[in-house]
Amino acid sequence: MNPAITKDTLFPPRKTNPATRAEATDRAARAIIEEEKKQREAKTARLRQARLEMEARQPKPEPVKSRNRRKPAGTRRQVR
């Protein structure tokens, strides 16, 4: 005859494959890493833009005049 119908005979428990669990973990980890990467790149772009705006507001430094540093006539080395 037919065996008695129970929750185990009607709906047999499925065995989970360790590979599928590993894939699910891998997908979750990659999604987290990708989200962190996007946040980091957005922050870098925001900080770069702020730095460029700050540098644009700063006055440009005047060029430094080079001084001609000649030795006095008596201290020059004589060529023999």
PDB file of N, CA and C in Angstrom:
ATOM      1  N   MET A   1       0.810  -1.177   0.000  1.00  0.00           N
ATOM      2  CA  MET A   1       0.000   0.000   0.000  1.00  0.00           C
ATOM      3  C   MET A   1       0.866   1.258   0.000  1.00  0.00           C
ATOM      4  N   ASN A   2       0.172   2.374   0.022  1.00  0.00           N
ATOM      5  CA  ASN A   2       0.861   3.645   0.038  1.00  0.00           C
ATOM      6  C   ASN A   2       1.333   3.952   1.451  1.00  0.00           C
ATOM      7  N   PRO A   3       2.532   4.496   1.530  1.00  0.00           N
ATOM      8  CA  PRO A   3       2.975   4.880   2.865  1.00  0.00           C
ATOM      9  C   PRO A   3       2.132   6.040   3.381  1.00  0.00           C
ATOM     10  N   ALA A   4       2.151   6.216   4.650  1.00  0.00           N
ATOM     11  CA  ALA A   4       1.374   7.295   5.259  1.00  0.00           C
ATOM     12  C   ALA A   4       1.917   8.646   4.789  1.00  0.00           C
ATOM     13  N   ILE A   5       1.014   9.543   4.560  1.00  0.00           N
ATOM     14  CA  ILE A   5       1.409  10.868   4.106  1.00  0.00           C
ATOM     15  C   ILE A   5       1.772  11.706   5.331  1.00  0.00           C
ATOM     16  N   THR A   6       3.018  12.143   5.332  1.00  0.00           N
ATOM     17  CA  THR A   6       3.506  13.043   6.390  1.00  0.00           C
ATOM     18  C   THR A   6       4.201  14.217   5.715  1.00  0.00           C
ATOM     19  N   LYS A   7       4.628  15.140   6.517  1.00  0.00           N
ATOM     20  CA  LYS A   7       5.308  16.302   5.923  1.00  0.00           C
ATOM     21  C   LYS A   7       6.613  15.889   5.259  1.00  0.00           C
ATOM     22  N   ASP A   8       7.261  14.822   5.732  1.00  0.00           N
ATOM     23  CA  ASP A   8       8.514  14.381   5.133  1.00  0.00           C
ATOM     24  C   ASP A   8       8.296  13.602   3.836  1.00  0.00           C
ATOM     25  N   THR A   9       7.216  12.861   3.740  1.00  0.00           N
ATOM     26  CA  THR A   9       6.973  12.094   2.510  1.00  0.00           C
ATOM     27  C   THR A   9       6.328  12.967   1.440  1.00  0.00           C
ATOM     28  N   LEU A  10       5.526  13.915   1.828  1.00  0.00           N
ATOM     29  CA  LEU A  10       4.859  14.770   0.856  1.00  0.00           C
ATOM     30  C   LEU A  10       5.816  15.857   0.319  1.00  0.00           C
ATOM     31  N   PHE A  11       6.593  16.460   1.210  1.00  0.00           N
ATOM     32  CA  PHE A  11       7.571  17.486   0.845  1.00  0.00           C
ATOM     33  C   PHE A  11       8.944  17.041   1.343  1.00  0.00           C
ATOM     34  N   PRO A  12       9.656  16.278   0.546  1.00  0.00           N
ATOM     35  CA  PRO A  12      10.966  15.797   1.014  1.00  0.00           C
ATOM     36  C   PRO A  12      11.946  16.970   1.155  1.00  0.00           C
ATOM     37  N   PRO A  13      12.770  16.964   2.196  1.00  0.00           N
ATOM     38  CA  PRO A  13      13.724  18.063   2.389  1.00  0.00           C
ATOM     39  C   PRO A  13      14.769  18.056   1.269  1.00  0.00           C
ATOM     40  N   ARG A  14      15.069  19.224   0.767  1.00  0.00           N
ATOM     41  CA  ARG A  14      16.067  19.339  -0.288  1.00  0.00           C
ATOM     42  C   ARG A  14      17.443  19.464   0.344  1.00  0.00           C
ATOM     43  N   LYS A  15      18.386  18.832  -0.298  1.00  0.00           N
ATOM     44  CA  LYS A  15      19.767  18.966   0.157  1.00  0.00           C
ATOM     45  C   LYS A  15      20.367  20.166  -0.547  1.00  0.00           C
ATOM     46  N   THR A  16      20.993  21.020   0.234  1.00  0.00           N
ATOM     47  CA  THR A  16      21.605  22.200  -0.363  1.00  0.00           C
ATOM     48  C   THR A  16      23.032  21.871  -0.769  1.00  0.00           C
ATOM     49  N   ASN A  17      23.372  22.323  -1.905  1.00  0.00           N
ATOM     50  CA  ASN A  17      24.706  22.101  -2.436  1.00  0.00           C
ATOM     51  C   ASN A  17      25.655  23.134  -1.835  1.00  0.00           C
ATOM     52  N   PRO A  18      26.808  22.707  -1.306  1.00  0.00           N
ATOM     53  CA  PRO A  18      27.747  23.695  -0.746  1.00  0.00           C
ATOM     54  C   PRO A  18      28.217  24.707  -1.790  1.00  0.00           C
ATOM     55  N   ALA A  19      28.260  24.308  -3.048  1.00  0.00           N
ATOM     56  CA  ALA A  19      28.701  25.232  -4.101  1.00  0.00           C
ATOM     57  C   ALA A  19      27.704  26.372  -4.265  1.00  0.00           C
ATOM     58  N   THR A  20      26.419  26.079  -4.152  1.00  0.00           N
ATOM     59  CA  THR A  20      25.430  27.148  -4.301  1.00  0.00           C
ATOM     60  C   THR A  20      25.505  28.118  -3.127  1.00  0.00           C
ATOM     61  N   ARG A  21      25.787  27.617  -1.949  1.00  0.00           N
ATOM     62  CA  ARG A  21      25.943  28.512  -0.795  1.00  0.00           C
ATOM     63  C   ARG A  21      27.183  29.376  -0.968  1.00  0.00           C
ATOM     64  N   ALA A  22      28.248  28.774  -1.490  1.00  0.00           N
ATOM     65  CA  ALA A  22      29.476  29.535  -1.720  1.00  0.00           C
ATOM     66  C   ALA A  22      29.247  30.609  -2.788  1.00  0.00           C
ATOM     67  N   GLU A  23      28.496  30.275  -3.820  1.00  0.00           N
ATOM     68  CA  GLU A  23      28.194  31.250  -4.873  1.00  0.00           C
ATOM     69  C   GLU A  23      27.359  32.402  -4.326  1.00  0.00           C
ATOM     70  N   ALA A  24      26.398  32.074  -3.470  1.00  0.00           N
ATOM     71  CA  ALA A  24      25.564  33.127  -2.883  1.00  0.00           C
ATOM     72  C   ALA A  24      26.416  34.057  -2.017  1.00  0.00           C
ATOM     73  N   THR A  25      27.325  33.475  -1.238  1.00  0.00           N
ATOM     74  CA  THR A  25      28.218  34.274  -0.402  1.00  0.00           C
ATOM     75  C   THR A  25      29.129  35.133  -1.273  1.00  0.00           C
ATOM     76  N   ASP A  26      29.634  34.543  -2.347  1.00  0.00           N
ATOM     77  CA  ASP A  26      30.506  35.265  -3.257  1.00  0.00           C
ATOM     78  C   ASP A  26      29.781  36.448  -3.896  1.00  0.00           C
ATOM     79  N   ARG A  27      28.550  36.220  -4.341  1.00  0.00           N
ATOM     80  CA  ARG A  27      27.765  37.303  -4.942  1.00  0.00           C
ATOM     81  C   ARG A  27      27.525  38.428  -3.935  1.00  0.00           C
ATOM     82  N   ALA A  28      27.195  38.058  -2.701  1.00  0.00           N
ATOM     83  CA  ALA A  28      26.933  39.068  -1.674  1.00  0.00           C
ATOM     84  C   ALA A  28      28.201  39.877  -1.374  1.00  0.00           C
ATOM     85  N   ALA A  29      29.339  39.179  -1.266  1.00  0.00           N
ATOM     86  CA  ALA A  29      30.598  39.868  -0.979  1.00  0.00           C
ATOM     87  C   ALA A  29      30.983  40.793  -2.123  1.00  0.00           C
ATOM     88  N   ARG A  30      30.822  40.329  -3.344  1.00  0.00           N
ATOM     89  CA  ARG A  30      31.160  41.168  -4.501  1.00  0.00           C
ATOM     90  C   ARG A  30      30.244  42.392  -4.583  1.00  0.00           C
ATOM     91  N   ALA A  31      28.988  42.222  -4.235  1.00  0.00           N
ATOM     92  CA  ALA A  31      28.061  43.361  -4.246  1.00  0.00           C
ATOM     93  C   ALA A  31      28.470  44.401  -3.206  1.00  0.00           C
ATOM     94  N   ILE A  32      28.872  43.943  -2.029  1.00  0.00           N
ATOM     95  CA  ILE A  32      29.309  44.858  -0.969  1.00  0.00           C
ATOM     96  C   ILE A  32      30.578  45.591  -1.396  1.00  0.00           C
ATOM     97  N   ILE A  33      31.531  44.856  -1.974  1.00  0.00           N
ATOM     98  CA  ILE A  33      32.788  45.454  -2.414  1.00  0.00           C
ATOM     99  C   ILE A  33      32.532  46.487  -3.516  1.00  0.00           C
ATOM    100  N   GLU A  34      31.655  46.163  -4.446  1.00  0.00           N
ATOM    101  CA  GLU A  34      31.333  47.089  -5.538  1.00  0.00           C
ATOM    102  C   GLU A  34      30.682  48.365  -5.001  1.00  0.00           C
ATOM    103  N   GLU A  35      29.796  48.227  -4.030  1.00  0.00           N
ATOM    104  CA  GLU A  35      29.135  49.397  -3.430  1.00  0.00           C
ATOM    105  C   GLU A  35      30.161  50.276  -2.717  1.00  0.00           C
ATOM    106  N   GLU A  36      31.084  49.662  -1.988  1.00  0.00           N
ATOM    107  CA  GLU A  36      32.123  50.430  -1.305  1.00  0.00           C
ATOM    108  C   GLU A  36      33.018  51.144  -2.309  1.00  0.00           C
ATOM    109  N   LYS A  37      33.307  50.487  -3.424  1.00  0.00           N
ATOM    110  CA  LYS A  37      34.129  51.096  -4.469  1.00  0.00           C
ATOM    111  C   LYS A  37      33.441  52.333  -5.047  1.00  0.00           C
ATOM    112  N   LYS A  38      32.135  52.231  -5.305  1.00  0.00           N
ATOM    113  CA  LYS A  38      31.388  53.372  -5.832  1.00  0.00           C
ATOM    114  C   LYS A  38      31.393  54.534  -4.842  1.00  0.00           C
ATOM    115  N   GLN A  39      31.212  54.229  -3.563  1.00  0.00           N
ATOM    116  CA  GLN A  39      31.211  55.276  -2.544  1.00  0.00           C
ATOM    117  C   GLN A  39      32.580  55.941  -2.449  1.00  0.00           C
ATOM    118  N   ARG A  40      33.648  55.134  -2.510  1.00  0.00           N
ATOM    119  CA  ARG A  40      35.008  55.665  -2.428  1.00  0.00           C
ATOM    120  C   ARG A  40      35.316  56.573  -3.619  1.00  0.00           C
ATOM    121  N   GLU A  41      34.923  56.140  -4.819  1.00  0.00           N
ATOM    122  CA  GLU A  41      35.172  56.951  -6.012  1.00  0.00           C
ATOM    123  C   GLU A  41      34.373  58.251  -5.984  1.00  0.00           C
ATOM    124  N   ALA A  42      33.144  58.197  -5.466  1.00  0.00           N
ATOM    125  CA  ALA A  42      32.331  59.413  -5.360  1.00  0.00           C
ATOM    126  C   ALA A  42      32.971  60.388  -4.372  1.00  0.00           C
ATOM    127  N   LYS A  43      33.467  59.884  -3.262  1.00  0.00           N
ATOM    128  CA  LYS A  43      34.107  60.739  -2.265  1.00  0.00           C
ATOM    129  C   LYS A  43      35.379  61.355  -2.838  1.00  0.00           C
ATOM    130  N   THR A  44      36.165  60.558  -3.567  1.00  0.00           N
ATOM    131  CA  THR A  44      37.387  61.069  -4.168  1.00  0.00           C
ATOM    132  C   THR A  44      37.077  62.177  -5.163  1.00  0.00           C
ATOM    133  N   ALA A  45      36.061  61.981  -5.985  1.00  0.00           N
ATOM    134  CA  ALA A  45      35.686  63.010  -6.963  1.00  0.00           C
ATOM    135  C   ALA A  45      35.212  64.281  -6.262  1.00  0.00           C
ATOM    136  N   ARG A  46      34.453  64.118  -5.198  1.00  0.00           N
ATOM    137  CA  ARG A  46      33.945  65.268  -4.445  1.00  0.00           C
ATOM    138  C   ARG A  46      35.109  66.043  -3.806  1.00  0.00           C
ATOM    139  N   LEU A  47      36.054  65.326  -3.208  1.00  0.00           N
ATOM    140  CA  LEU A  47      37.204  65.982  -2.585  1.00  0.00           C
ATOM    141  C   LEU A  47      38.100  66.644  -3.625  1.00  0.00           C
ATOM    142  N   ARG A  48      38.281  65.999  -4.771  1.00  0.00           N
ATOM    143  CA  ARG A  48      39.094  66.585  -5.838  1.00  0.00           C
ATOM    144  C   ARG A  48      38.467  67.899  -6.320  1.00  0.00           C
ATOM    145  N   GLN A  49      37.152  67.885  -6.504  1.00  0.00           N
ATOM    146  CA  GLN A  49      36.448  69.085  -6.956  1.00  0.00           C
ATOM    147  C   GLN A  49      36.587  70.207  -5.934  1.00  0.00           C
ATOM    148  N   ALA A  50      36.470  69.872  -4.651  1.00  0.00           N
ATOM    149  CA  ALA A  50      36.612  70.878  -3.602  1.00  0.00           C
ATOM    150  C   ALA A  50      38.025  71.439  -3.581  1.00  0.00           C
ATOM    151  N   ARG A  51      39.025  70.590  -3.776  1.00  0.00           N
ATOM    152  CA  ARG A  51      40.415  71.059  -3.787  1.00  0.00           C
ATOM    153  C   ARG A  51      40.661  71.981  -4.973  1.00  0.00           C
ATOM    154  N   LEU A  52      40.155  71.623  -6.143  1.00  0.00           N
ATOM    155  CA  LEU A  52      40.337  72.469  -7.324  1.00  0.00           C
ATOM    156  C   LEU A  52      39.656  73.820  -7.148  1.00  0.00           C
ATOM    157  N   GLU A  53      38.475  73.847  -6.557  1.00  0.00           N
ATOM    158  CA  GLU A  53      37.781  75.116  -6.300  1.00  0.00           C
ATOM    159  C   GLU A  53      38.563  75.967  -5.308  1.00  0.00           C
ATOM    160  N   MET A  54      39.119  75.333  -4.275  1.00  0.00           N
ATOM    161  CA  MET A  54      39.893  76.060  -3.278  1.00  0.00           C
ATOM    162  C   MET A  54      41.151  76.647  -3.918  1.00  0.00           C
ATOM    163  N   GLU A  55      41.828  75.857  -4.764  1.00  0.00           N
ATOM    164  CA  GLU A  55      43.028  76.355  -5.422  1.00  0.00           C
ATOM    165  C   GLU A  55      42.699  77.489  -6.390  1.00  0.00           C
ATOM    166  N   ALA A  56      41.529  77.458  -7.008  1.00  0.00           N
ATOM    167  CA  ALA A  56      41.138  78.515  -7.937  1.00  0.00           C
ATOM    168  C   ALA A  56      40.887  79.828  -7.198  1.00  0.00           C
ATOM    169  N   ARG A  57      40.438  79.762  -5.954  1.00  0.00           N
ATOM    170  CA  ARG A  57      40.175  80.973  -5.170  1.00  0.00           C
ATOM    171  C   ARG A  57      41.456  81.597  -4.638  1.00  0.00           C
ATOM    172  N   GLN A  58      42.514  80.809  -4.507  1.00  0.00           N
ATOM    173  CA  GLN A  58      43.776  81.304  -3.958  1.00  0.00           C
ATOM    174  C   GLN A  58      44.462  82.210  -4.982  1.00  0.00           C
ATOM    175  N   PRO A  59      45.072  83.300  -4.526  1.00  0.00           N
ATOM    176  CA  PRO A  59      45.816  84.144  -5.478  1.00  0.00           C
ATOM    177  C   PRO A  59      47.055  83.404  -5.960  1.00  0.00           C
ATOM    178  N   LYS A  60      47.410  83.669  -7.210  1.00  0.00           N
ATOM    179  CA  LYS A  60      48.594  83.013  -7.770  1.00  0.00           C
ATOM    180  C   LYS A  60      49.841  83.675  -7.200  1.00  0.00           C
ATOM    181  N   PRO A  61      50.842  82.902  -6.831  1.00  0.00           N
ATOM    182  CA  PRO A  61      52.063  83.494  -6.274  1.00  0.00           C
ATOM    183  C   PRO A  61      52.834  84.238  -7.357  1.00  0.00           C
ATOM    184  N   GLU A  62      53.497  85.315  -6.934  1.00  0.00           N
ATOM    185  CA  GLU A  62      54.295  86.088  -7.878  1.00  0.00           C
ATOM    186  C   GLU A  62      55.547  85.298  -8.225  1.00  0.00           C
ATOM    187  N   PRO A  63      56.001  85.426  -9.471  1.00  0.00           N
ATOM    188  CA  PRO A  63      57.221  84.688  -9.832  1.00  0.00           C
ATOM    189  C   PRO A  63      58.423  85.242  -9.084  1.00  0.00           C
ATOM    190  N   VAL A  64      59.294  84.378  -8.696  1.00  0.00           N
ATOM    191  CA  VAL A  64      60.476  84.767  -7.942  1.00  0.00           C
ATOM    192  C   VAL A  64      61.521  85.274  -8.933  1.00  0.00           C
ATOM    193  N   LYS A  65      62.041  86.467  -8.665  1.00  0.00           N
ATOM    194  CA  LYS A  65      63.070  87.031  -9.525  1.00  0.00           C
ATOM    195  C   LYS A  65      64.403  86.375  -9.173  1.00  0.00           C
ATOM    196  N   SER A  66      65.088  85.917 -10.198  1.00  0.00           N
ATOM    197  CA  SER A  66      66.379  85.289  -9.933  1.00  0.00           C
ATOM    198  C   SER A  66      67.423  86.387  -9.786  1.00  0.00           C
ATOM    199  N   ARG A  67      68.257  86.192  -8.849  1.00  0.00           N
ATOM    200  CA  ARG A  67      69.308  87.172  -8.607  1.00  0.00           C
ATOM    201  C   ARG A  67      70.563  86.688  -9.304  1.00  0.00           C
ATOM    202  N   ASN A  68      71.243  87.610  -9.947  1.00  0.00           N
ATOM    203  CA  ASN A  68      72.471  87.274 -10.633  1.00  0.00           C
ATOM    204  C   ASN A  68      73.582  87.234  -9.590  1.00  0.00           C
ATOM    205  N   ARG A  69      74.083  86.083  -9.317  1.00  0.00           N
ATOM    206  CA  ARG A  69      75.081  85.935  -8.252  1.00  0.00           C
ATOM    207  C   ARG A  69      76.476  85.843  -8.886  1.00  0.00           C
ATOM    208  N   ARG A  70      77.032  86.958  -9.133  1.00  0.00           N
ATOM    209  CA  ARG A  70      78.374  86.992  -9.693  1.00  0.00           C
ATOM    210  C   ARG A  70      79.366  87.157  -8.561  1.00  0.00           C
ATOM    211  N   LYS A  71      80.484  86.523  -8.725  1.00  0.00           N
ATOM    212  CA  LYS A  71      81.533  86.651  -7.718  1.00  0.00           C
ATOM    213  C   LYS A  71      82.266  87.973  -7.926  1.00  0.00           C
ATOM    214  N   PRO A  72      82.741  88.542  -6.866  1.00  0.00           N
ATOM    215  CA  PRO A  72      83.532  89.776  -7.043  1.00  0.00           C
ATOM    216  C   PRO A  72      84.768  89.506  -7.876  1.00  0.00           C
ATOM    217  N   ALA A  73      85.285  90.512  -8.527  1.00  0.00           N
ATOM    218  CA  ALA A  73      86.383  90.360  -9.478  1.00  0.00           C
ATOM    219  C   ALA A  73      87.620  89.753  -8.848  1.00  0.00           C
ATOM    220  N   GLY A  74      87.914  90.050  -7.622  1.00  0.00           N
ATOM    221  CA  GLY A  74      89.142  89.575  -6.994  1.00  0.00           C
ATOM    222  C   GLY A  74      89.071  88.114  -6.555  1.00  0.00           C
ATOM    223  N   THR A  75      87.914  87.530  -6.522  1.00  0.00           N
ATOM    224  CA  THR A  75      87.792  86.176  -6.022  1.00  0.00           C
ATOM    225  C   THR A  75      87.670  85.150  -7.144  1.00  0.00           C
ATOM    226  N   ARG A  76      87.712  85.589  -8.365  1.00  0.00           N
ATOM    227  CA  ARG A  76      87.608  84.635  -9.480  1.00  0.00           C
ATOM    228  C   ARG A  76      88.882  83.810  -9.578  1.00  0.00           C
ATOM    229  N   ARG A  77      88.691  82.600 -10.025  1.00  0.00           N
ATOM    230  CA  ARG A  77      89.816  81.700 -10.172  1.00  0.00           C
ATOM    231  C   ARG A  77      90.579  82.042 -11.449  1.00  0.00           C
ATOM    232  N   GLN A  78      91.854  82.079 -11.369  1.00  0.00           N
ATOM    233  CA  GLN A  78      92.654  82.427 -12.524  1.00  0.00           C
ATOM    234  C   GLN A  78      93.025  81.152 -13.275  1.00  0.00           C
ATOM    235  N   VAL A  79      92.924  81.209 -14.595  1.00  0.00           N
ATOM    236  CA  VAL A  79      93.263  80.074 -15.440  1.00  0.00           C
ATOM    237  C   VAL A  79      94.710  80.190 -15.834  1.00  0.00           C
ATOM    238  N   ARG A  80      95.481  79.138 -15.676  1.00  0.00           N
ATOM    239  CA  ARG A  80      96.913  79.179 -16.033  1.00  0.00           C
ATOM    240  C   ARG A  80      97.162  78.450 -17.302  1.00  0.00           C
TER     241      ARG A  80
END
